[in-house]
């Protein structure tokens, strides 16, 4: 039977039921051994993948995007995406408090925030309640559809301190680059994106992103009405790349209420998301003839 011929809503339901069954079975040691055998054994692996559909790990983000394309329902561009994030951020979540702690501490040094992947400005509406007197310039950059929705929403709400950028290059020279729940959707490495800016942000605050201590891999997140591919990066490689861009790590924390679970695949399951605060140190890296040279003390 060609399961891909099943109508997408029915196929999504079948994939979810299969994933739920595998997650339940994985709690039992004998069942885990059977699942692990089925995942890799010739003659069973194809059947296993067919039943699991898009709910498995992939080598690249492009592979994950191709696997879920028929079921994505417009992914990040689905209007339900903006509604979901506005609902989730009506009040601060547990993983927000580490970010808010650092923002509060850094406020004397911050006048501008560039919110990369900030959807329709949902974090602005949530976080600004914690420091209403601070005259911050808060700029959001996201997909064109979300930017358009965000501008319309800001106008309705009278959010005069919130603006929207059409290009990434507008992040040049900001005090703080905020990437909350968005790093794992970026196709280009963050260090490479930073290299395109004329002036680097002083601080980078990354929150709610899945990372792994093993090899990087891609997966698909099922968010109800829509589905999106994401890239789970290796933690050490991410931080090393940012160190090479001139940033030093100030703090890291767990976003314990979030996890990424690949049904039946413990090796590609992320038990909690993570957050990082980094500061740019212009003296730590000098650039000469296209090569990075650590400056002498």
C-alpha atoms as a PDB file:
ATOM      1  CA  UNK A   1       0.000   0.000   0.000  1.00  0.00           C
ATOM      2  CA  UNK A   2       1.246   3.445  -0.906  1.00  0.00           C
ATOM      3  CA  UNK A   3       0.665   5.415   2.293  1.00  0.00           C
ATOM      4  CA  UNK A   4       1.682   8.657   0.616  1.00  0.00           C
ATOM      5  CA  UNK A   5      -1.465   8.346  -1.511  1.00  0.00           C
ATOM      6  CA  UNK A   6      -3.579   8.724   1.625  1.00  0.00           C
ATOM      7  CA  UNK A   7      -5.147  12.166   1.920  1.00  0.00           C
ATOM      8  CA  UNK A   8      -2.909  14.445   4.030  1.00  0.00           C
ATOM      9  CA  UNK A   9      -5.301  14.860   7.009  1.00  0.00           C
ATOM     10  CA  UNK A  10      -5.683  11.089   7.348  1.00  0.00           C
ATOM     11  CA  UNK A  11      -1.952  10.533   6.886  1.00  0.00           C
ATOM     12  CA  UNK A  12      -1.157  13.099   9.591  1.00  0.00           C
ATOM     13  CA  UNK A  13      -3.560  11.351  11.964  1.00  0.00           C
ATOM     14  CA  UNK A  14      -1.979   7.986  11.205  1.00  0.00           C
ATOM     15  CA  UNK A  15       1.560   9.348  11.739  1.00  0.00           C
ATOM     16  CA  UNK A  16       0.547  10.898  15.061  1.00  0.00           C
ATOM     17  CA  UNK A  17      -1.059   7.671  16.273  1.00  0.00           C
ATOM     18  CA  UNK A  18       2.020   5.673  15.262  1.00  0.00           C
ATOM     19  CA  UNK A  19       4.300   8.135  17.043  1.00  0.00           C
ATOM     20  CA  UNK A  20       2.158   8.101  20.193  1.00  0.00           C
ATOM     21  CA  UNK A  21       2.170   4.289  20.238  1.00  0.00           C
ATOM     22  CA  UNK A  22       5.968   4.184  19.855  1.00  0.00           C
ATOM     23  CA  UNK A  23       6.441   6.743  22.626  1.00  0.00           C
ATOM     24  CA  UNK A  24       4.267   4.674  24.953  1.00  0.00           C
ATOM     25  CA  UNK A  25       6.022   1.435  24.036  1.00  0.00           C
ATOM     26  CA  UNK A  26       9.455   3.024  24.481  1.00  0.00           C
ATOM     27  CA  UNK A  27       8.860   3.234  28.215  1.00  0.00           C
ATOM     28  CA  UNK A  28       9.218  -0.550  28.400  1.00  0.00           C
ATOM     29  CA  UNK A  29      12.725  -2.037  28.031  1.00  0.00           C
ATOM     30  CA  UNK A  30      11.669  -5.109  25.985  1.00  0.00           C
ATOM     31  CA  UNK A  31       9.674  -2.921  23.608  1.00  0.00           C
ATOM     32  CA  UNK A  32      12.635  -0.543  23.202  1.00  0.00           C
ATOM     33  CA  UNK A  33      14.798  -3.437  22.078  1.00  0.00           C
ATOM     34  CA  UNK A  34      12.213  -4.467  19.474  1.00  0.00           C
ATOM     35  CA  UNK A  35      11.874  -0.874  18.245  1.00  0.00           C
ATOM     36  CA  UNK A  36      15.646  -0.434  17.973  1.00  0.00           C
ATOM     37  CA  UNK A  37      15.913  -3.674  15.994  1.00  0.00           C
ATOM     38  CA  UNK A  38      13.068  -2.688  13.660  1.00  0.00           C
ATOM     39  CA  UNK A  39      14.584   0.751  13.024  1.00  0.00           C
ATOM     40  CA  UNK A  40      17.781  -0.643  11.523  1.00  0.00           C
ATOM     41  CA  UNK A  41      17.098  -4.220  10.398  1.00  0.00           C
ATOM     42  CA  UNK A  42      16.982  -4.822   6.621  1.00  0.00           C
ATOM     43  CA  UNK A  43      13.469  -5.676   5.536  1.00  0.00           C
ATOM     44  CA  UNK A  44      11.945  -3.866   8.508  1.00  0.00           C
ATOM     45  CA  UNK A  45      13.539  -0.417   8.273  1.00  0.00           C
ATOM     46  CA  UNK A  46      11.563   0.665   5.190  1.00  0.00           C
ATOM     47  CA  UNK A  47       8.279  -0.451   6.749  1.00  0.00           C
ATOM     48  CA  UNK A  48       9.178   1.327   9.989  1.00  0.00           C
ATOM     49  CA  UNK A  49       9.957   4.588   8.177  1.00  0.00           C
ATOM     50  CA  UNK A  50       6.808   4.326   6.083  1.00  0.00           C
ATOM     51  CA  UNK A  51       4.628   3.989   9.188  1.00  0.00           C
ATOM     52  CA  UNK A  52       6.418   6.778  11.049  1.00  0.00           C
ATOM     53  CA  UNK A  53       6.227   9.190   8.109  1.00  0.00           C
ATOM     54  CA  UNK A  54       7.728  12.610   8.762  1.00  0.00           C
ATOM     55  CA  UNK A  55       8.214  11.969  12.513  1.00  0.00           C
ATOM     56  CA  UNK A  56      11.833  10.833  12.323  1.00  0.00           C
ATOM     57  CA  UNK A  57      15.333  12.283  12.130  1.00  0.00           C
ATOM     58  CA  UNK A  58      16.996  13.530   8.934  1.00  0.00           C
ATOM     59  CA  UNK A  59      20.541  14.349   7.951  1.00  0.00           C
ATOM     60  CA  UNK A  60      19.756  17.855   6.664  1.00  0.00           C
ATOM     61  CA  UNK A  61      17.119  20.539   6.997  1.00  0.00           C
ATOM     62  CA  UNK A  62      16.361  20.209   3.285  1.00  0.00           C
ATOM     63  CA  UNK A  63      15.552  16.511   3.728  1.00  0.00           C
ATOM     64  CA  UNK A  64      13.159  17.271   6.579  1.00  0.00           C
ATOM     65  CA  UNK A  65      11.485  20.047   4.581  1.00  0.00           C
ATOM     66  CA  UNK A  66      10.968  17.710   1.621  1.00  0.00           C
ATOM     67  CA  UNK A  67       9.510  14.984   3.848  1.00  0.00           C
ATOM     68  CA  UNK A  68       6.930  17.273   5.443  1.00  0.00           C
ATOM     69  CA  UNK A  69       6.120  19.479   2.453  1.00  0.00           C
ATOM     70  CA  UNK A  70       2.851  17.692   1.653  1.00  0.00           C
ATOM     71  CA  UNK A  71       1.668  18.085   5.257  1.00  0.00           C
ATOM     72  CA  UNK A  72       3.163  21.441   6.267  1.00  0.00           C
ATOM     73  CA  UNK A  73      -0.026  23.477   5.745  1.00  0.00           C
ATOM     74  CA  UNK A  74       2.113  26.540   4.903  1.00  0.00           C
ATOM     75  CA  UNK A  75       4.313  26.007   7.983  1.00  0.00           C
ATOM     76  CA  UNK A  76       5.602  29.261   9.487  1.00  0.00           C
ATOM     77  CA  UNK A  77       3.377  31.239   7.136  1.00  0.00           C
ATOM     78  CA  UNK A  78       0.171  29.673   8.452  1.00  0.00           C
ATOM     79  CA  UNK A  79      -1.863  32.381  10.267  1.00  0.00           C
ATOM     80  CA  UNK A  80      -2.299  29.893  13.110  1.00  0.00           C
ATOM     81  CA  UNK A  81       1.444  30.257  13.771  1.00  0.00           C
ATOM     82  CA  UNK A  82       1.052  33.896  14.819  1.00  0.00           C
ATOM     83  CA  UNK A  83      -2.056  33.088  16.876  1.00  0.00           C
ATOM     84  CA  UNK A  84      -0.205  30.265  18.619  1.00  0.00           C
ATOM     85  CA  UNK A  85       2.749  32.432  19.637  1.00  0.00           C
ATOM     86  CA  UNK A  86       0.565  35.293  20.802  1.00  0.00           C
ATOM     87  CA  UNK A  87      -1.371  32.840  22.965  1.00  0.00           C
ATOM     88  CA  UNK A  88       1.788  31.196  24.338  1.00  0.00           C
ATOM     89  CA  UNK A  89       3.263  34.583  25.240  1.00  0.00           C
ATOM     90  CA  UNK A  90       0.281  36.159  26.937  1.00  0.00           C
ATOM     91  CA  UNK A  91       2.339  35.623  30.066  1.00  0.00           C
ATOM     92  CA  UNK A  92       5.962  34.666  30.633  1.00  0.00           C
ATOM     93  CA  UNK A  93       6.758  30.959  30.448  1.00  0.00           C
ATOM     94  CA  UNK A  94       9.332  29.239  32.706  1.00  0.00           C
ATOM     95  CA  UNK A  95      12.055  29.529  30.049  1.00  0.00           C
ATOM     96  CA  UNK A  96      11.438  33.276  29.751  1.00  0.00           C
ATOM     97  CA  UNK A  97      12.669  34.040  33.237  1.00  0.00           C
ATOM     98  CA  UNK A  98      16.343  33.393  32.532  1.00  0.00           C
ATOM     99  CA  UNK A  99      16.073  35.704  29.509  1.00  0.00           C
ATOM    100  CA  UNK A 100      14.207  38.342  31.538  1.00  0.00           C
ATOM    101  CA  UNK A 101      16.782  38.118  34.323  1.00  0.00           C
ATOM    102  CA  UNK A 102      19.610  38.890  31.907  1.00  0.00           C
ATOM    103  CA  UNK A 103      17.651  41.568  30.069  1.00  0.00           C
ATOM    104  CA  UNK A 104      16.881  43.320  33.342  1.00  0.00           C
ATOM    105  CA  UNK A 105      20.566  43.204  34.310  1.00  0.00           C
ATOM    106  CA  UNK A 106      21.709  44.476  30.913  1.00  0.00           C
ATOM    107  CA  UNK A 107      19.117  47.219  30.542  1.00  0.00           C
ATOM    108  CA  UNK A 108      21.537  50.060  31.405  1.00  0.00           C
ATOM    109  CA  UNK A 109      23.634  49.005  28.365  1.00  0.00           C
ATOM    110  CA  UNK A 110      20.756  48.355  25.969  1.00  0.00           C
ATOM    111  CA  UNK A 111      18.749  50.765  23.880  1.00  0.00           C
ATOM    112  CA  UNK A 112      17.983  48.596  20.852  1.00  0.00           C
ATOM    113  CA  UNK A 113      16.870  44.960  20.450  1.00  0.00           C
ATOM    114  CA  UNK A 114      16.695  43.106  17.148  1.00  0.00           C
ATOM    115  CA  UNK A 115      14.265  40.202  17.521  1.00  0.00           C
ATOM    116  CA  UNK A 116      15.193  37.684  14.813  1.00  0.00           C
ATOM    117  CA  UNK A 117      12.341  35.308  14.050  1.00  0.00           C
ATOM    118  CA  UNK A 118      10.128  37.334  16.365  1.00  0.00           C
ATOM    119  CA  UNK A 119       6.910  36.453  14.523  1.00  0.00           C
ATOM    120  CA  UNK A 120       4.408  39.300  15.011  1.00  0.00           C
ATOM    121  CA  UNK A 121       6.189  40.815  18.015  1.00  0.00           C
ATOM    122  CA  UNK A 122       4.766  38.471  20.620  1.00  0.00           C
ATOM    123  CA  UNK A 123       7.818  38.709  22.907  1.00  0.00           C
ATOM    124  CA  UNK A 124       7.724  42.495  22.776  1.00  0.00           C
ATOM    125  CA  UNK A 125       4.190  42.468  24.150  1.00  0.00           C
ATOM    126  CA  UNK A 126       5.174  39.981  26.858  1.00  0.00           C
ATOM    127  CA  UNK A 127       8.563  41.347  27.913  1.00  0.00           C
ATOM    128  CA  UNK A 128       7.754  45.061  27.800  1.00  0.00           C
ATOM    129  CA  UNK A 129       5.407  44.552  30.753  1.00  0.00           C
ATOM    130  CA  UNK A 130       8.450  43.773  32.894  1.00  0.00           C
ATOM    131  CA  UNK A 131      10.217  47.074  32.124  1.00  0.00           C
ATOM    132  CA  UNK A 132       7.540  49.504  30.898  1.00  0.00           C
ATOM    133  CA  UNK A 133       9.599  52.601  31.673  1.00  0.00           C
ATOM    134  CA  UNK A 134      12.571  51.591  29.550  1.00  0.00           C
ATOM    135  CA  UNK A 135      12.710  53.465  26.250  1.00  0.00           C
ATOM    136  CA  UNK A 136      13.753  50.522  24.067  1.00  0.00           C
ATOM    137  CA  UNK A 137      13.798  50.372  20.294  1.00  0.00           C
ATOM    138  CA  UNK A 138      12.466  46.860  19.580  1.00  0.00           C
ATOM    139  CA  UNK A 139      12.726  45.642  15.986  1.00  0.00           C
ATOM    140  CA  UNK A 140      11.351  42.333  14.674  1.00  0.00           C
ATOM    141  CA  UNK A 141      12.501  40.533  11.530  1.00  0.00           C
ATOM    142  CA  UNK A 142      10.579  37.522  10.249  1.00  0.00           C
ATOM    143  CA  UNK A 143       8.988  36.162   7.092  1.00  0.00           C
ATOM    144  CA  UNK A 144       7.207  38.831   4.987  1.00  0.00           C
ATOM    145  CA  UNK A 145       3.757  37.440   5.854  1.00  0.00           C
ATOM    146  CA  UNK A 146       4.463  37.640   9.589  1.00  0.00           C
ATOM    147  CA  UNK A 147       5.995  41.101   9.252  1.00  0.00           C
ATOM    148  CA  UNK A 148       2.839  42.339   7.518  1.00  0.00           C
ATOM    149  CA  UNK A 149       0.625  40.833  10.225  1.00  0.00           C
ATOM    150  CA  UNK A 150       2.876  42.247  12.931  1.00  0.00           C
ATOM    151  CA  UNK A 151       2.756  45.769  11.540  1.00  0.00           C
ATOM    152  CA  UNK A 152      -1.035  45.664  11.352  1.00  0.00           C
ATOM    153  CA  UNK A 153      -1.264  44.315  14.906  1.00  0.00           C
ATOM    154  CA  UNK A 154       1.157  46.941  16.259  1.00  0.00           C
ATOM    155  CA  UNK A 155      -0.911  49.682  14.667  1.00  0.00           C
ATOM    156  CA  UNK A 156      -4.114  48.340  16.225  1.00  0.00           C
ATOM    157  CA  UNK A 157      -2.459  48.063  19.636  1.00  0.00           C
ATOM    158  CA  UNK A 158      -0.673  51.397  19.439  1.00  0.00           C
ATOM    159  CA  UNK A 159       2.728  49.750  19.986  1.00  0.00           C
ATOM    160  CA  UNK A 160       4.809  52.763  18.960  1.00  0.00           C
ATOM    161  CA  UNK A 161       8.103  51.320  20.278  1.00  0.00           C
ATOM    162  CA  UNK A 162       7.774  48.206  18.118  1.00  0.00           C
ATOM    163  CA  UNK A 163       8.955  48.234  14.502  1.00  0.00           C
ATOM    164  CA  UNK A 164       9.551  45.617  11.819  1.00  0.00           C
ATOM    165  CA  UNK A 165      12.584  45.151   9.587  1.00  0.00           C
ATOM    166  CA  UNK A 166      12.392  43.813   6.052  1.00  0.00           C
ATOM    167  CA  UNK A 167      16.027  42.663   5.978  1.00  0.00           C
ATOM    168  CA  UNK A 168      18.496  40.969   8.305  1.00  0.00           C
ATOM    169  CA  UNK A 169      21.081  43.666   7.630  1.00  0.00           C
ATOM    170  CA  UNK A 170      19.079  46.056   9.819  1.00  0.00           C
ATOM    171  CA  UNK A 171      20.487  44.117  12.785  1.00  0.00           C
ATOM    172  CA  UNK A 172      23.817  45.863  12.226  1.00  0.00           C
ATOM    173  CA  UNK A 173      24.930  47.810  15.288  1.00  0.00           C
ATOM    174  CA  UNK A 174      22.072  46.839  17.627  1.00  0.00           C
ATOM    175  CA  UNK A 175      22.798  46.439  21.320  1.00  0.00           C
ATOM    176  CA  UNK A 176      21.199  43.013  21.641  1.00  0.00           C
ATOM    177  CA  UNK A 177      20.296  40.328  19.122  1.00  0.00           C
ATOM    178  CA  UNK A 178      17.424  38.240  20.479  1.00  0.00           C
ATOM    179  CA  UNK A 179      16.713  34.821  18.947  1.00  0.00           C
ATOM    180  CA  UNK A 180      13.987  33.123  20.942  1.00  0.00           C
ATOM    181  CA  UNK A 181      12.516  29.879  19.597  1.00  0.00           C
ATOM    182  CA  UNK A 182      13.926  30.577  16.141  1.00  0.00           C
ATOM    183  CA  UNK A 183      17.591  29.530  15.853  1.00  0.00           C
ATOM    184  CA  UNK A 184      16.690  25.965  14.844  1.00  0.00           C
ATOM    185  CA  UNK A 185      14.732  27.239  11.834  1.00  0.00           C
ATOM    186  CA  UNK A 186      17.644  29.189  10.344  1.00  0.00           C
ATOM    187  CA  UNK A 187      19.183  27.538   7.288  1.00  0.00           C
ATOM    188  CA  UNK A 188      22.405  29.527   7.445  1.00  0.00           C
ATOM    189  CA  UNK A 189      24.749  29.256  10.465  1.00  0.00           C
ATOM    190  CA  UNK A 190      24.375  32.231  12.773  1.00  0.00           C
ATOM    191  CA  UNK A 191      28.109  32.999  12.637  1.00  0.00           C
ATOM    192  CA  UNK A 192      27.863  33.263   8.855  1.00  0.00           C
ATOM    193  CA  UNK A 193      24.898  35.609   9.116  1.00  0.00           C
ATOM    194  CA  UNK A 194      26.770  37.799  11.597  1.00  0.00           C
ATOM    195  CA  UNK A 195      29.672  38.053   9.145  1.00  0.00           C
ATOM    196  CA  UNK A 196      27.380  39.929   6.732  1.00  0.00           C
ATOM    197  CA  UNK A 197      26.728  42.739   9.227  1.00  0.00           C
ATOM    198  CA  UNK A 198      28.777  45.923   9.134  1.00  0.00           C
ATOM    199  CA  UNK A 199      28.702  46.240  12.939  1.00  0.00           C
ATOM    200  CA  UNK A 200      28.130  43.253  15.203  1.00  0.00           C
ATOM    201  CA  UNK A 201      25.543  43.284  18.019  1.00  0.00           C
ATOM    202  CA  UNK A 202      27.066  43.759  21.460  1.00  0.00           C
ATOM    203  CA  UNK A 203      25.058  40.919  23.001  1.00  0.00           C
ATOM    204  CA  UNK A 204      23.332  37.807  21.669  1.00  0.00           C
ATOM    205  CA  UNK A 205      20.562  36.187  23.671  1.00  0.00           C
ATOM    206  CA  UNK A 206      19.443  32.808  22.315  1.00  0.00           C
ATOM    207  CA  UNK A 207      16.535  31.096  24.024  1.00  0.00           C
ATOM    208  CA  UNK A 208      14.327  28.042  23.547  1.00  0.00           C
ATOM    209  CA  UNK A 209      16.405  26.182  20.981  1.00  0.00           C
ATOM    210  CA  UNK A 210      17.118  22.432  20.807  1.00  0.00           C
ATOM    211  CA  UNK A 211      20.790  21.483  20.707  1.00  0.00           C
ATOM    212  CA  UNK A 212      22.587  18.147  20.947  1.00  0.00           C
ATOM    213  CA  UNK A 213      25.937  16.885  22.157  1.00  0.00           C
ATOM    214  CA  UNK A 214      25.990  14.463  19.230  1.00  0.00           C
ATOM    215  CA  UNK A 215      26.014  15.092  15.478  1.00  0.00           C
ATOM    216  CA  UNK A 216      23.604  17.712  14.183  1.00  0.00           C
ATOM    217  CA  UNK A 217      20.362  16.423  12.685  1.00  0.00           C
ATOM    218  CA  UNK A 218      17.039  17.681  11.374  1.00  0.00           C
ATOM    219  CA  UNK A 219      13.495  16.853  12.468  1.00  0.00           C
ATOM    220  CA  UNK A 220       9.889  17.927  11.983  1.00  0.00           C
ATOM    221  CA  UNK A 221       7.851  19.706  14.646  1.00  0.00           C
ATOM    222  CA  UNK A 222       4.110  19.030  14.587  1.00  0.00           C
ATOM    223  CA  UNK A 223       2.350  22.136  15.897  1.00  0.00           C
ATOM    224  CA  UNK A 224      -1.229  21.050  15.377  1.00  0.00           C
ATOM    225  CA  UNK A 225      -2.594  22.987  12.396  1.00  0.00           C
ATOM    226  CA  UNK A 226       0.835  23.163  10.744  1.00  0.00           C
ATOM    227  CA  UNK A 227       4.200  21.418  10.689  1.00  0.00           C
ATOM    228  CA  UNK A 228       7.740  22.792  10.266  1.00  0.00           C
ATOM    229  CA  UNK A 229      11.222  21.379   9.764  1.00  0.00           C
ATOM    230  CA  UNK A 230      13.990  22.321  12.180  1.00  0.00           C
ATOM    231  CA  UNK A 231      17.727  21.776  12.572  1.00  0.00           C
ATOM    232  CA  UNK A 232      19.144  20.540  15.880  1.00  0.00           C
ATOM    233  CA  UNK A 233      22.717  21.827  15.989  1.00  0.00           C
ATOM    234  CA  UNK A 234      25.639  20.440  17.907  1.00  0.00           C
ATOM    235  CA  UNK A 235      26.082  22.552  21.036  1.00  0.00           C
ATOM    236  CA  UNK A 236      29.876  22.675  21.005  1.00  0.00           C
ATOM    237  CA  UNK A 237      30.054  23.519  17.279  1.00  0.00           C
ATOM    238  CA  UNK A 238      27.519  26.335  17.696  1.00  0.00           C
ATOM    239  CA  UNK A 239      29.444  27.945  20.527  1.00  0.00           C
ATOM    240  CA  UNK A 240      32.798  27.456  18.796  1.00  0.00           C
ATOM    241  CA  UNK A 241      31.507  29.215  15.670  1.00  0.00           C
ATOM    242  CA  UNK A 242      30.240  32.133  17.743  1.00  0.00           C
ATOM    243  CA  UNK A 243      33.531  32.284  19.628  1.00  0.00           C
ATOM    244  CA  UNK A 244      35.259  32.520  16.255  1.00  0.00           C
ATOM    245  CA  UNK A 245      32.996  35.456  15.432  1.00  0.00           C
ATOM    246  CA  UNK A 246      34.302  37.240  18.531  1.00  0.00           C
ATOM    247  CA  UNK A 247      31.706  36.280  21.151  1.00  0.00           C
ATOM    248  CA  UNK A 248      32.267  34.833  24.605  1.00  0.00           C
ATOM    249  CA  UNK A 249      29.687  32.821  26.497  1.00  0.00           C
ATOM    250  CA  UNK A 250      28.342  34.509  29.629  1.00  0.00           C
ATOM    251  CA  UNK A 251      25.647  32.061  30.658  1.00  0.00           C
ATOM    252  CA  UNK A 252      23.641  29.051  29.552  1.00  0.00           C
ATOM    253  CA  UNK A 253      20.409  27.536  30.875  1.00  0.00           C
ATOM    254  CA  UNK A 254      17.777  24.887  30.209  1.00  0.00           C
ATOM    255  CA  UNK A 255      14.307  25.570  28.833  1.00  0.00           C
ATOM    256  CA  UNK A 256      13.015  22.548  30.686  1.00  0.00           C
ATOM    257  CA  UNK A 257       9.359  22.814  29.644  1.00  0.00           C
ATOM    258  CA  UNK A 258      10.275  22.180  25.999  1.00  0.00           C
ATOM    259  CA  UNK A 259      11.532  18.952  24.415  1.00  0.00           C
ATOM    260  CA  UNK A 260      11.892  17.440  20.964  1.00  0.00           C
ATOM    261  CA  UNK A 261      10.994  13.767  20.854  1.00  0.00           C
ATOM    262  CA  UNK A 262      11.574  11.501  17.878  1.00  0.00           C
ATOM    263  CA  UNK A 263       9.264   8.519  18.440  1.00  0.00           C
ATOM    264  CA  UNK A 264      11.235   5.370  19.170  1.00  0.00           C
ATOM    265  CA  UNK A 265      14.581   7.115  18.619  1.00  0.00           C
ATOM    266  CA  UNK A 266      16.333   7.939  21.878  1.00  0.00           C
ATOM    267  CA  UNK A 267      19.542   9.022  20.119  1.00  0.00           C
ATOM    268  CA  UNK A 268      17.722  11.866  18.365  1.00  0.00           C
ATOM    269  CA  UNK A 269      15.515  12.994  21.221  1.00  0.00           C
ATOM    270  CA  UNK A 270      16.273  16.308  22.942  1.00  0.00           C
ATOM    271  CA  UNK A 271      14.996  16.187  26.550  1.00  0.00           C
ATOM    272  CA  UNK A 272      15.086  19.969  27.012  1.00  0.00           C
ATOM    273  CA  UNK A 273      15.747  23.095  24.967  1.00  0.00           C
ATOM    274  CA  UNK A 274      18.566  25.505  25.833  1.00  0.00           C
ATOM    275  CA  UNK A 275      19.411  29.174  26.126  1.00  0.00           C
ATOM    276  CA  UNK A 276      22.661  31.139  25.795  1.00  0.00           C
ATOM    277  CA  UNK A 277      23.852  34.656  26.529  1.00  0.00           C
ATOM    278  CA  UNK A 278      26.961  35.870  24.702  1.00  0.00           C
ATOM    279  CA  UNK A 279      28.868  39.150  24.585  1.00  0.00           C
ATOM    280  CA  UNK A 280      30.984  40.448  21.736  1.00  0.00           C
ATOM    281  CA  UNK A 281      34.562  41.154  22.744  1.00  0.00           C
ATOM    282  CA  UNK A 282      36.249  43.207  20.008  1.00  0.00           C
ATOM    283  CA  UNK A 283      39.653  42.698  21.638  1.00  0.00           C
ATOM    284  CA  UNK A 284      39.438  38.904  21.604  1.00  0.00           C
ATOM    285  CA  UNK A 285      39.597  38.440  17.845  1.00  0.00           C
ATOM    286  CA  UNK A 286      41.494  40.507  15.321  1.00  0.00           C
ATOM    287  CA  UNK A 287      40.936  40.027  11.611  1.00  0.00           C
ATOM    288  CA  UNK A 288      43.879  40.323   9.274  1.00  0.00           C
ATOM    289  CA  UNK A 289      44.129  39.162   5.651  1.00  0.00           C
ATOM    290  CA  UNK A 290      40.910  37.165   5.983  1.00  0.00           C
ATOM    291  CA  UNK A 291      42.254  35.127   8.934  1.00  0.00           C
ATOM    292  CA  UNK A 292      41.153  35.360  12.553  1.00  0.00           C
ATOM    293  CA  UNK A 293      44.002  36.010  14.972  1.00  0.00           C
ATOM    294  CA  UNK A 294      43.540  36.085  18.711  1.00  0.00           C
ATOM    295  CA  UNK A 295      44.709  39.474  19.991  1.00  0.00           C
ATOM    296  CA  UNK A 296      47.426  39.522  22.633  1.00  0.00           C
ATOM    297  CA  UNK A 297      46.535  40.758  26.081  1.00  0.00           C
END
